[in-house]
Amino acid sequence: MRTISRRSLLQILSGALPSLAQGRKPNFLFLFTDDQRFNTLHALGNKEVQTPNMDNLVRHGLHFSHAAIMGGTVGAICQPSRAMLMTGRTLFQVHDHTMAANPPAGESRKYYPTFPELLRRNGYETFGTGKWHNGTSMFARSFSAGENIFFGGMSDHLQVPVHDFDPAGRYPRAAQRVAKTFSSQLFSDSAIRYLKQRNRDKPFLAYVAYTSPHDPRMAPARFARMYSTRDIQVPENFLPRHPFDNGDLKLRDEVLAPFPRTPEVIKEHIAGYYAMITEVDYQIGRVLAALVQSGEADNTYVIFTADNGLAVGQHGLLGKQNLYDHSMRVPLVIAGPGVKKGQHTDGLCYLMDVCPTVLELAGVEPPEGIAGRSLRPMMKDPEASIREEVVMAYRHYQRGIRTRKWKLILYNVGGEKHTQLFDMECDPLERQDLSGEAAHAARITELRALLAQRLKEYGDRTDLDAAVWPAFRD
């Protein structure tokens, strides 16, 4: 396994306050994986998976242990997740105004600028490679350079349909070609070439969006051989079936394995998932090494995160179309100039909070009406808090709210309603539903009222008391 040396990593993450004081704008290297659950790093206590480069980032950066997404209005959770990350807007805002294939910047549709776009307007060179999934026009206005751009949601990792960068922003299907290099290497190679050849007169944002560890789980043999089902434990919250219909039990993700789930099949899926994670970790190490070699490490923020989590056998589920922590929480590490090293913060935050954070670090004013909140208070003081709760939603089937201690999930599947209440401090794996206990009735009422209030503030038009919740319009 290749991992960059401790000395080299310290060059990246040691903090370069003197450089910033000399008037240099900071650079940003954004490393973004696909479907990677929050606890799939060895350094975070998962001894079954090998992630030496991600581990080094955790040791030398600030780890946000309770970073979450808001959910999805479509089954392909990564699409709204990426739109929220880029714009700092809520799930309901991006559904209406950003997730269309190519939303125009006109009166008929609101136009939300992305953080790469705002950096670009303020003197940055912005480079993008890998998965985009939010339309060609949004990419074109966000990036001034790019290579091997994948506008889809998923593909065979050895046959990725990609585009070359077009300065004019035109990406017709006829210009698409199929790359034969494994996806993580393909995108890493592009990032490394950029770091070697970029315009050194400008600060940069390099956005590297991997498709791994998203299925199909087809890690190269050298990584697949590292994992055997003999060494994999079945999750403690494994179930053969979800206890009731959550609205999408027959979605593509969920039919990757038969019902009822069996321990043997789940172990196979976990082994394949971990092999994919170790492979993308190796490629991340190559990109970090290239950053060191570029001479820009001392002035670069490295941000590592993912678009959503994944169940892989927990609660009888395989996918991410649910509001349990295994699907809603993502890894998030920020390292670089002035960031506290080897620490973590357990304050609640959203992935969309990265947008105003990057803008603040770059000295760029965030757009008006943005819902994301800067993580800078937590970066300065890991005990600080920017949110008392996070709300979550999945299509017109599920709504939820999470505080430090409690999580309430409401379900409405064609009028069939269920409620779950979990004590997240005593039951972090969400195994014991307390909603049926009379002692918690008042708490459920209180959380439900807060959920309804926050959903309204965030732009959700769902009436929680309605007999059937209306579907989102396309």
Protein backbone atom coordinates (compact mmCIF):
# COMPACT_ATOMS: atom_id res chain seq x y z
CA MET A 1 0.00 0.00 0.00
CA ARG A 2 1.27 3.41 -0.93
CA THR A 3 0.90 6.12 1.65
CA ILE A 4 2.67 9.46 1.71
CA SER A 5 5.28 9.86 4.38
CA ARG A 6 4.55 11.44 7.73
CA ARG A 7 7.05 14.21 6.94
CA SER A 8 5.41 14.94 3.59
CA LEU A 9 1.95 15.00 5.12
CA LEU A 10 3.11 17.38 7.80
CA GLN A 11 4.22 19.68 4.97
CA ILE A 12 0.63 19.65 3.76
CA LEU A 13 -1.06 20.02 7.09
CA SER A 14 1.33 21.86 9.35
CA GLY A 15 -0.45 25.18 8.98
CA ALA A 16 1.01 28.03 6.98
CA LEU A 17 -0.10 31.15 8.75
CA PRO A 18 3.06 33.06 7.72
CA SER A 19 2.26 32.41 4.06
CA LEU A 20 -1.27 33.73 4.46
CA ALA A 21 0.04 36.75 6.33
CA GLN A 22 2.16 37.60 3.28
CA GLY A 23 -1.04 38.19 1.32
CA ARG A 24 -1.33 34.90 -0.54
CA LYS A 25 -4.80 33.57 -1.16
CA PRO A 26 -5.14 29.97 0.08
CA ASN A 27 -5.57 27.09 -2.34
CA PHE A 28 -8.13 24.30 -1.97
CA LEU A 29 -7.83 20.60 -2.78
CA PHE A 30 -11.23 18.96 -2.52
CA LEU A 31 -11.27 15.14 -2.35
CA PHE A 32 -14.83 13.81 -2.70
CA THR A 33 -15.81 10.14 -2.59
CA ASP A 34 -19.14 8.56 -3.55
CA ASP A 35 -21.29 6.53 -1.12
CA GLN A 36 -18.67 6.45 1.65
CA ARG A 37 -20.16 6.05 5.12
CA PHE A 38 -18.92 8.22 7.99
CA ASN A 39 -17.25 5.37 9.92
CA THR A 40 -15.38 3.63 7.12
CA LEU A 41 -11.94 4.88 8.14
CA HIS A 42 -9.48 2.78 10.11
CA ALA A 43 -8.45 5.79 12.22
CA LEU A 44 -12.05 6.27 13.34
CA GLY A 45 -12.23 2.85 14.93
CA ASN A 46 -13.13 0.61 11.99
CA LYS A 47 -10.38 -2.00 12.19
CA GLU A 48 -11.72 -4.01 9.26
CA VAL A 49 -10.89 -1.42 6.59
CA GLN A 50 -7.45 -0.12 5.57
CA THR A 51 -7.33 3.63 4.80
CA PRO A 52 -3.79 4.89 5.53
CA ASN A 53 -4.08 8.17 3.61
CA MET A 54 -7.50 9.10 4.92
CA ASP A 55 -6.21 8.17 8.39
CA ASN A 56 -3.32 10.59 8.01
CA LEU A 57 -5.73 13.36 7.12
CA VAL A 58 -7.70 12.59 10.28
CA ARG A 59 -4.53 12.65 12.39
CA HIS A 60 -3.33 15.96 10.99
CA GLY A 61 -6.61 17.76 10.35
CA LEU A 62 -9.89 18.49 12.12
CA HIS A 63 -12.45 15.70 11.90
CA PHE A 64 -16.14 16.64 11.96
CA SER A 65 -17.67 13.49 13.41
CA HIS A 66 -21.31 14.49 12.97
CA ALA A 67 -21.41 15.93 9.45
CA ALA A 68 -24.62 14.97 7.67
CA ILE A 69 -26.50 15.49 4.46
CA MET A 70 -30.09 16.75 4.42
CA GLY A 71 -31.32 13.82 2.34
CA GLY A 72 -32.80 13.53 -1.11
CA THR A 73 -35.91 14.33 -3.12
CA VAL A 74 -34.94 11.61 -5.61
CA GLY A 75 -33.56 8.11 -5.21
CA ALA A 76 -30.16 9.16 -6.56
CA ILE A 77 -29.18 10.89 -3.30
CA CYS A 78 -25.82 11.99 -4.70
CA GLN A 79 -27.48 14.43 -7.11
CA PRO A 80 -29.15 16.73 -4.53
CA SER A 81 -26.28 16.17 -2.09
CA ARG A 82 -23.77 17.57 -4.59
CA ALA A 83 -26.08 20.46 -5.47
CA MET A 84 -26.39 21.38 -1.77
CA LEU A 85 -22.62 21.16 -1.30
CA MET A 86 -21.95 23.41 -4.28
CA THR A 87 -24.55 26.09 -3.53
CA GLY A 88 -25.00 25.98 0.24
CA ARG A 89 -28.77 25.77 -0.36
CA THR A 90 -31.30 23.43 1.21
CA LEU A 91 -32.58 20.18 -0.25
CA PHE A 92 -35.87 21.77 -1.22
CA GLN A 93 -34.26 24.79 -2.86
CA VAL A 94 -31.92 22.71 -5.01
CA HIS A 95 -34.74 20.40 -6.07
CA ASP A 96 -36.74 23.30 -7.45
CA HIS A 97 -33.93 25.37 -8.92
CA THR A 98 -30.66 23.48 -9.40
CA MET A 99 -31.19 19.79 -10.11
CA ALA A 100 -32.66 20.19 -13.59
CA ALA A 101 -30.23 18.96 -16.21
CA ASN A 102 -29.32 22.45 -17.43
CA PRO A 103 -31.26 25.12 -15.52
CA PRO A 104 -31.03 28.50 -17.25
CA ALA A 105 -29.89 31.59 -15.41
CA GLY A 106 -33.06 33.48 -16.27
CA GLU A 107 -36.22 34.82 -14.75
CA SER A 108 -38.01 31.49 -15.12
CA ARG A 109 -35.69 29.68 -12.75
CA LYS A 110 -33.69 30.91 -9.79
CA TYR A 111 -29.96 30.92 -10.29
CA TYR A 112 -27.78 29.79 -7.38
CA PRO A 113 -24.04 30.40 -7.80
CA THR A 114 -21.67 27.63 -6.75
CA PHE A 115 -18.65 28.14 -4.52
CA PRO A 116 -16.23 27.23 -7.36
CA GLU A 117 -18.00 29.80 -9.52
CA LEU A 118 -17.61 32.49 -6.85
CA LEU A 119 -13.94 31.62 -6.38
CA ARG A 120 -13.49 31.83 -10.14
CA ARG A 121 -15.04 35.31 -10.19
CA ASN A 122 -12.58 36.33 -7.49
CA GLY A 123 -9.35 35.42 -9.20
CA TYR A 124 -9.13 31.65 -8.67
CA GLU A 125 -8.35 29.05 -11.26
CA THR A 126 -10.92 26.33 -10.70
CA PHE A 127 -10.27 22.79 -11.92
CA GLY A 128 -12.75 19.91 -11.92
CA THR A 129 -12.41 16.23 -12.66
CA GLY A 130 -14.57 13.19 -12.00
CA LYS A 131 -18.27 12.89 -11.23
CA TRP A 132 -20.45 15.99 -11.52
CA HIS A 133 -24.13 14.87 -11.82
CA ASN A 134 -25.56 18.41 -11.78
CA GLY A 135 -25.73 19.36 -15.45
CA THR A 136 -23.26 20.76 -17.94
CA SER A 137 -24.17 24.44 -17.58
CA MET A 138 -23.55 24.41 -13.83
CA PHE A 139 -20.15 22.80 -14.43
CA ALA A 140 -19.28 25.26 -17.19
CA ARG A 141 -19.83 28.32 -15.05
CA SER A 142 -18.04 26.75 -12.06
CA PHE A 143 -14.73 25.67 -13.60
CA SER A 144 -12.07 27.36 -15.68
CA ALA A 145 -10.19 24.11 -16.31
CA GLY A 146 -10.89 20.40 -16.18
CA GLU A 147 -10.21 16.94 -17.51
CA ASN A 148 -12.05 13.60 -17.64
CA ILE A 149 -15.41 15.00 -16.57
CA PHE A 150 -18.18 12.50 -15.87
CA PHE A 151 -21.67 14.01 -16.07
CA GLY A 152 -23.54 10.84 -15.09
CA GLY A 153 -24.42 9.18 -11.81
CA MET A 154 -22.73 5.77 -12.02
CA SER A 155 -20.91 3.55 -14.48
CA ASP A 156 -18.67 0.54 -14.84
CA HIS A 157 -15.43 1.73 -13.24
CA LEU A 158 -13.43 0.54 -16.24
CA GLN A 159 -15.73 2.18 -18.80
CA VAL A 160 -16.41 5.70 -17.59
CA PRO A 161 -18.13 8.00 -20.13
CA VAL A 162 -16.22 11.28 -19.88
CA HIS A 163 -15.79 14.62 -21.62
CA ASP A 164 -12.70 16.67 -22.19
CA PHE A 165 -12.87 20.21 -20.83
CA ASP A 166 -14.51 22.69 -23.21
CA PRO A 167 -13.73 26.39 -22.51
CA ALA A 168 -16.96 27.29 -24.32
CA GLY A 169 -18.97 25.10 -21.94
CA ARG A 170 -20.52 22.88 -24.63
CA TYR A 171 -20.66 19.21 -23.70
CA PRO A 172 -22.79 17.40 -26.30
CA ARG A 173 -23.21 13.66 -26.00
CA ALA A 174 -21.43 13.25 -29.34
CA ALA A 175 -18.24 14.57 -27.72
CA GLN A 176 -18.32 11.93 -24.99
CA ARG A 177 -15.75 9.15 -24.98
CA VAL A 178 -15.30 6.05 -22.84
CA ALA A 179 -12.17 5.93 -20.68
CA LYS A 180 -10.65 2.51 -20.03
CA THR A 181 -8.62 3.36 -16.91
CA PHE A 182 -10.13 2.44 -13.53
CA SER A 183 -12.17 5.45 -12.42
CA SER A 184 -10.20 6.42 -9.29
CA GLN A 185 -6.89 6.27 -11.14
CA LEU A 186 -8.38 8.13 -14.10
CA PHE A 187 -9.50 11.08 -12.00
CA SER A 188 -6.36 11.06 -9.84
CA ASP A 189 -4.17 11.12 -12.93
CA SER A 190 -6.07 14.19 -14.12
CA ALA A 191 -5.67 15.93 -10.77
CA ILE A 192 -1.95 15.15 -10.68
CA ARG A 193 -1.44 16.51 -14.19
CA TYR A 194 -3.27 19.67 -13.18
CA LEU A 195 -1.14 20.16 -10.05
CA LYS A 196 2.00 19.81 -12.18
CA GLN A 197 0.95 22.07 -15.04
CA ARG A 198 -1.45 24.64 -13.55
CA ASN A 199 -1.23 28.41 -13.89
CA ARG A 200 0.94 29.44 -10.93
CA ASP A 201 -0.06 33.08 -11.16
CA LYS A 202 -3.44 32.33 -9.58
CA PRO A 203 -4.65 30.54 -6.43
CA PHE A 204 -6.48 27.33 -7.26
CA LEU A 205 -9.37 25.07 -6.36
CA ALA A 206 -8.89 21.47 -7.50
CA TYR A 207 -12.14 19.53 -7.18
CA VAL A 208 -11.54 15.77 -7.46
CA ALA A 209 -14.82 13.84 -7.36
CA TYR A 210 -14.41 10.07 -7.32
CA THR A 211 -17.10 7.58 -8.29
CA SER A 212 -15.67 5.01 -5.87
CA PRO A 213 -16.73 3.32 -3.60
CA HIS A 214 -20.11 3.46 -5.41
CA ASP A 215 -21.09 0.11 -6.92
CA PRO A 216 -20.48 -1.84 -9.05
CA ARG A 217 -18.04 -3.17 -6.46
CA MET A 218 -15.22 -4.19 -8.77
CA ALA A 219 -12.00 -3.12 -7.06
CA PRO A 220 -8.79 -4.12 -8.85
CA ALA A 221 -7.55 -7.53 -7.75
CA ARG A 222 -4.69 -6.23 -5.59
CA PHE A 223 -7.25 -4.47 -3.37
CA ALA A 224 -9.97 -7.12 -3.55
CA ARG A 225 -7.48 -9.71 -2.29
CA MET A 226 -7.02 -7.70 0.91
CA TYR A 227 -10.53 -8.57 2.12
CA SER A 228 -12.05 -11.94 2.94
CA THR A 229 -15.53 -12.58 4.28
CA ARG A 230 -13.84 -14.64 7.02
CA ASP A 231 -12.55 -11.39 8.52
CA ILE A 232 -15.75 -9.37 8.15
CA GLN A 233 -18.23 -9.00 10.98
CA VAL A 234 -21.95 -8.69 10.35
CA PRO A 235 -23.13 -5.25 11.54
CA GLU A 236 -24.64 -5.24 15.03
CA ASN A 237 -27.78 -3.64 13.62
CA PHE A 238 -28.10 -6.19 10.80
CA LEU A 239 -31.64 -7.26 9.98
CA PRO A 240 -32.88 -9.69 7.33
CA ARG A 241 -35.58 -7.17 6.40
CA HIS A 242 -36.49 -3.63 7.30
CA PRO A 243 -39.33 -3.83 9.87
CA PHE A 244 -41.81 -2.02 7.61
CA ASP A 245 -42.11 -0.45 4.15
CA ASN A 246 -40.08 2.78 4.15
CA GLY A 247 -41.24 3.74 0.65
CA ASP A 248 -38.39 2.50 -1.55
CA LEU A 249 -37.51 -1.07 -0.62
CA LYS A 250 -37.50 -2.09 -4.29
CA LEU A 251 -35.24 0.71 -5.53
CA ARG A 252 -32.09 -0.22 -7.50
CA ASP A 253 -29.79 -0.03 -4.47
CA GLU A 254 -32.00 -2.36 -2.44
CA VAL A 255 -32.31 -5.11 -5.04
CA LEU A 256 -28.55 -5.64 -5.29
CA ALA A 257 -29.10 -8.50 -2.84
CA PRO A 258 -32.16 -10.73 -2.34
CA PHE A 259 -34.64 -10.61 0.55
CA PRO A 260 -34.35 -11.74 3.23
CA ARG A 261 -30.75 -10.57 3.67
CA THR A 262 -28.34 -13.21 4.90
CA PRO A 263 -25.12 -12.70 6.86
CA GLU A 264 -23.11 -14.43 4.13
CA VAL A 265 -24.36 -12.14 1.37
CA ILE A 266 -23.91 -9.01 3.47
CA LYS A 267 -20.32 -9.99 4.29
CA GLU A 268 -19.60 -10.28 0.57
CA HIS A 269 -21.01 -6.80 -0.04
CA ILE A 270 -19.02 -5.32 2.85
CA ALA A 271 -15.78 -6.94 1.65
CA GLY A 272 -16.31 -5.51 -1.83
CA TYR A 273 -17.20 -2.10 -0.38
CA TYR A 274 -14.06 -1.97 1.77
CA ALA A 275 -11.88 -3.01 -1.17
CA MET A 276 -13.26 -0.07 -3.14
CA ILE A 277 -12.58 2.29 -0.24
CA THR A 278 -8.98 1.08 0.11
CA GLU A 279 -8.43 1.54 -3.63
CA VAL A 280 -9.68 5.13 -3.63
CA ASP A 281 -7.60 5.79 -0.51
CA TYR A 282 -4.51 4.71 -2.45
CA GLN A 283 -5.35 7.11 -5.24
CA ILE A 284 -5.94 9.93 -2.75
CA GLY A 285 -2.41 9.31 -1.49
CA ARG A 286 -1.06 9.84 -5.01
CA VAL A 287 -2.85 13.20 -5.28
CA LEU A 288 -1.59 14.33 -1.87
CA ALA A 289 1.94 13.40 -2.86
CA ALA A 290 1.57 15.48 -6.03
CA LEU A 291 0.42 18.43 -3.92
CA VAL A 292 3.63 18.20 -1.89
CA GLN A 293 5.72 18.02 -5.05
CA SER A 294 3.94 21.09 -6.45
CA GLY A 295 5.39 23.26 -3.70
CA GLU A 296 1.93 24.57 -2.78
CA ALA A 297 1.24 22.31 0.20
CA ASP A 298 1.93 24.93 2.86
CA ASN A 299 -0.80 27.19 1.49
CA THR A 300 -3.50 24.64 0.67
CA TYR A 301 -6.61 23.52 2.53
CA VAL A 302 -7.32 19.84 1.96
CA ILE A 303 -11.00 18.94 2.34
CA PHE A 304 -12.00 15.28 2.34
CA THR A 305 -15.64 14.21 2.45
CA ALA A 306 -18.33 12.15 0.67
CA ASP A 307 -21.76 12.76 -0.82
CA ASN A 308 -23.69 10.32 1.40
CA GLY A 309 -23.34 7.14 3.42
CA LEU A 310 -24.56 3.61 2.74
CA ALA A 311 -26.35 0.91 4.74
CA VAL A 312 -24.67 -2.26 3.37
CA GLY A 313 -26.78 -4.59 5.54
CA GLN A 314 -27.73 -2.36 8.43
CA HIS A 315 -31.45 -2.28 9.29
CA GLY A 316 -32.08 -4.76 6.48
CA LEU A 317 -31.05 -2.15 3.90
CA LEU A 318 -28.29 -1.87 1.32
CA GLY A 319 -28.62 1.68 -0.02
CA LYS A 320 -28.80 5.27 1.18
CA GLN A 321 -32.49 6.02 0.67
CA ASN A 322 -33.25 6.31 4.37
CA LEU A 323 -32.65 8.64 7.35
CA TYR A 324 -30.56 6.36 9.57
CA ASP A 325 -27.11 7.65 10.53
CA HIS A 326 -25.31 5.08 8.39
CA SER A 327 -26.78 6.74 5.30
CA MET A 328 -27.04 10.38 6.39
CA ARG A 329 -23.63 10.94 8.00
CA VAL A 330 -20.47 11.39 5.96
CA PRO A 331 -16.76 11.67 6.75
CA LEU A 332 -15.53 15.25 6.79
CA VAL A 333 -11.94 16.33 7.46
CA ILE A 334 -10.45 19.76 6.88
CA ALA A 335 -6.71 20.26 7.11
CA GLY A 336 -4.43 23.15 6.26
CA PRO A 337 -3.34 26.62 7.34
CA GLY A 338 -4.13 27.22 11.00
CA VAL A 339 -6.43 24.20 11.38
CA LYS A 340 -6.13 22.31 14.67
CA LYS A 341 -4.42 18.99 13.96
CA GLY A 342 -5.49 15.58 15.22
CA GLN A 343 -8.69 16.87 16.82
CA HIS A 344 -12.34 16.21 16.26
CA THR A 345 -15.56 18.06 16.82
CA ASP A 346 -18.86 16.32 17.44
CA GLY A 347 -20.98 19.39 16.74
CA LEU A 348 -23.83 18.88 14.30
CA CYS A 349 -23.30 20.27 10.81
CA TYR A 350 -24.34 19.76 7.22
CA LEU A 351 -22.27 18.99 4.16
CA MET A 352 -23.70 22.19 2.65
CA ASP A 353 -21.89 24.13 5.40
CA VAL A 354 -18.66 23.51 3.45
CA CYS A 355 -19.76 26.05 0.82
CA PRO A 356 -19.70 29.18 3.02
CA THR A 357 -16.65 27.81 4.85
CA VAL A 358 -14.55 27.71 1.69
CA LEU A 359 -15.76 31.16 0.69
CA GLU A 360 -14.86 32.60 4.09
CA LEU A 361 -11.40 31.02 4.01
CA ALA A 362 -10.87 32.55 0.57
CA GLY A 363 -12.11 35.97 1.67
CA VAL A 364 -15.13 35.83 -0.65
CA GLU A 365 -18.56 37.08 0.42
CA PRO A 366 -21.19 34.29 0.46
CA PRO A 367 -24.41 34.81 -1.51
CA GLU A 368 -27.47 36.25 0.21
CA GLY A 369 -30.03 33.77 1.47
CA ILE A 370 -27.56 30.92 1.78
CA ALA A 371 -28.65 28.19 4.21
CA GLY A 372 -25.19 26.78 4.87
CA ARG A 373 -23.32 28.08 7.90
CA SER A 374 -19.58 28.52 8.05
CA LEU A 375 -17.66 25.86 9.96
CA ARG A 376 -15.02 28.39 10.96
CA PRO A 377 -16.24 28.67 14.60
CA MET A 378 -15.74 24.90 14.98
CA MET A 379 -12.36 25.09 13.24
CA LYS A 380 -11.24 27.70 15.75
CA ASP A 381 -12.78 25.91 18.74
CA PRO A 382 -13.79 22.23 18.34
CA GLU A 383 -16.15 22.65 21.32
CA ALA A 384 -18.13 25.32 19.47
CA SER A 385 -21.50 24.59 17.88
CA ILE A 386 -23.20 26.05 14.82
CA ARG A 387 -26.40 23.93 14.82
CA GLU A 388 -28.60 22.55 17.58
CA GLU A 389 -30.33 20.14 15.24
CA VAL A 390 -30.35 18.88 11.66
CA VAL A 391 -33.47 17.98 9.71
CA MET A 392 -33.61 15.30 7.05
CA ALA A 393 -35.96 14.16 4.32
CA TYR A 394 -36.27 11.43 1.74
CA ARG A 395 -38.68 11.94 -1.14
CA HIS A 396 -42.34 12.10 -0.02
CA TYR A 397 -41.91 9.14 2.32
CA GLN A 398 -39.66 10.16 5.22
CA ARG A 399 -38.97 13.20 7.39
CA GLY A 400 -36.65 13.37 10.41
CA ILE A 401 -34.87 15.56 12.93
CA ARG A 402 -31.69 14.86 14.90
CA THR A 403 -30.35 16.61 17.98
CA ARG A 404 -27.24 15.61 19.92
CA LYS A 405 -29.32 13.11 21.88
CA TRP A 406 -32.53 12.35 20.01
CA LYS A 407 -33.63 11.37 16.53
CA LEU A 408 -37.24 11.34 15.37
CA ILE A 409 -38.15 9.78 12.01
CA LEU A 410 -41.65 10.01 10.52
CA TYR A 411 -42.79 7.79 7.65
CA ASN A 412 -45.79 8.16 5.35
CA VAL A 413 -45.97 5.59 2.57
CA GLY A 414 -49.24 6.04 0.72
CA GLY A 415 -51.00 6.90 3.98
CA GLU A 416 -49.35 4.13 6.02
CA LYS A 417 -47.58 5.98 8.84
CA HIS A 418 -44.81 4.95 11.23
CA THR A 419 -42.83 6.81 13.87
CA GLN A 420 -39.38 6.02 15.25
CA LEU A 421 -37.59 7.64 18.19
CA PHE A 422 -33.97 6.83 19.06
CA ASP A 423 -31.74 7.87 21.93
CA MET A 424 -28.60 8.56 19.93
CA GLU A 425 -26.31 8.77 22.95
CA CYS A 426 -27.34 5.39 24.37
CA ASP A 427 -28.24 3.74 21.08
CA PRO A 428 -26.07 5.15 18.26
CA LEU A 429 -26.83 2.15 16.02
CA GLU A 430 -30.56 2.97 16.17
CA ARG A 431 -31.67 -0.46 17.29
CA GLN A 432 -34.26 0.36 19.97
CA ASP A 433 -37.29 2.34 18.83
CA LEU A 434 -38.70 4.21 21.84
CA SER A 435 -41.68 5.77 20.08
CA GLY A 436 -44.18 3.34 21.63
CA GLU A 437 -43.23 4.19 25.22
CA ALA A 438 -45.64 6.55 27.00
CA ALA A 439 -42.73 8.24 28.79
CA HIS A 440 -41.56 9.70 25.47
CA ALA A 441 -44.91 10.99 24.16
CA ALA A 442 -44.22 14.62 25.10
CA ARG A 443 -40.72 14.44 23.60
CA ILE A 444 -42.14 13.18 20.30
CA THR A 445 -44.66 16.02 20.25
CA GLU A 446 -41.92 18.56 20.89
CA LEU A 447 -39.56 17.15 18.25
CA ARG A 448 -42.36 16.88 15.71
CA ALA A 449 -43.27 20.54 16.19
CA LEU A 450 -39.64 21.59 15.80
CA LEU A 451 -39.31 19.43 12.70
CA ALA A 452 -42.39 21.03 11.13
CA GLN A 453 -41.03 24.51 11.88
CA ARG A 454 -37.59 23.83 10.43
CA LEU A 455 -38.98 22.11 7.32
CA LYS A 456 -41.12 25.17 6.61
CA GLU A 457 -38.10 27.45 7.08
CA TYR A 458 -36.04 25.30 4.70
CA GLY A 459 -38.67 25.39 1.95
CA ASP A 460 -40.46 22.05 2.34
CA ARG A 461 -44.15 22.29 1.47
CA THR A 462 -45.05 18.99 3.15
CA ASP A 463 -47.79 19.06 5.78
CA LEU A 464 -46.79 16.41 8.30
CA ASP A 465 -50.43 16.01 9.34
CA ALA A 466 -51.68 15.31 5.81
CA ALA A 467 -53.09 11.87 5.11
CA VAL A 468 -50.66 11.40 2.23
CA TRP A 469 -47.57 13.53 1.58
CA PRO A 470 -47.44 14.85 -2.02
CA ALA A 471 -44.66 13.75 -4.33
CA PHE A 472 -42.07 16.26 -5.54
CA ARG A 473 -42.56 17.58 -9.06
CA ASP A 474 -39.79 16.84 -11.52
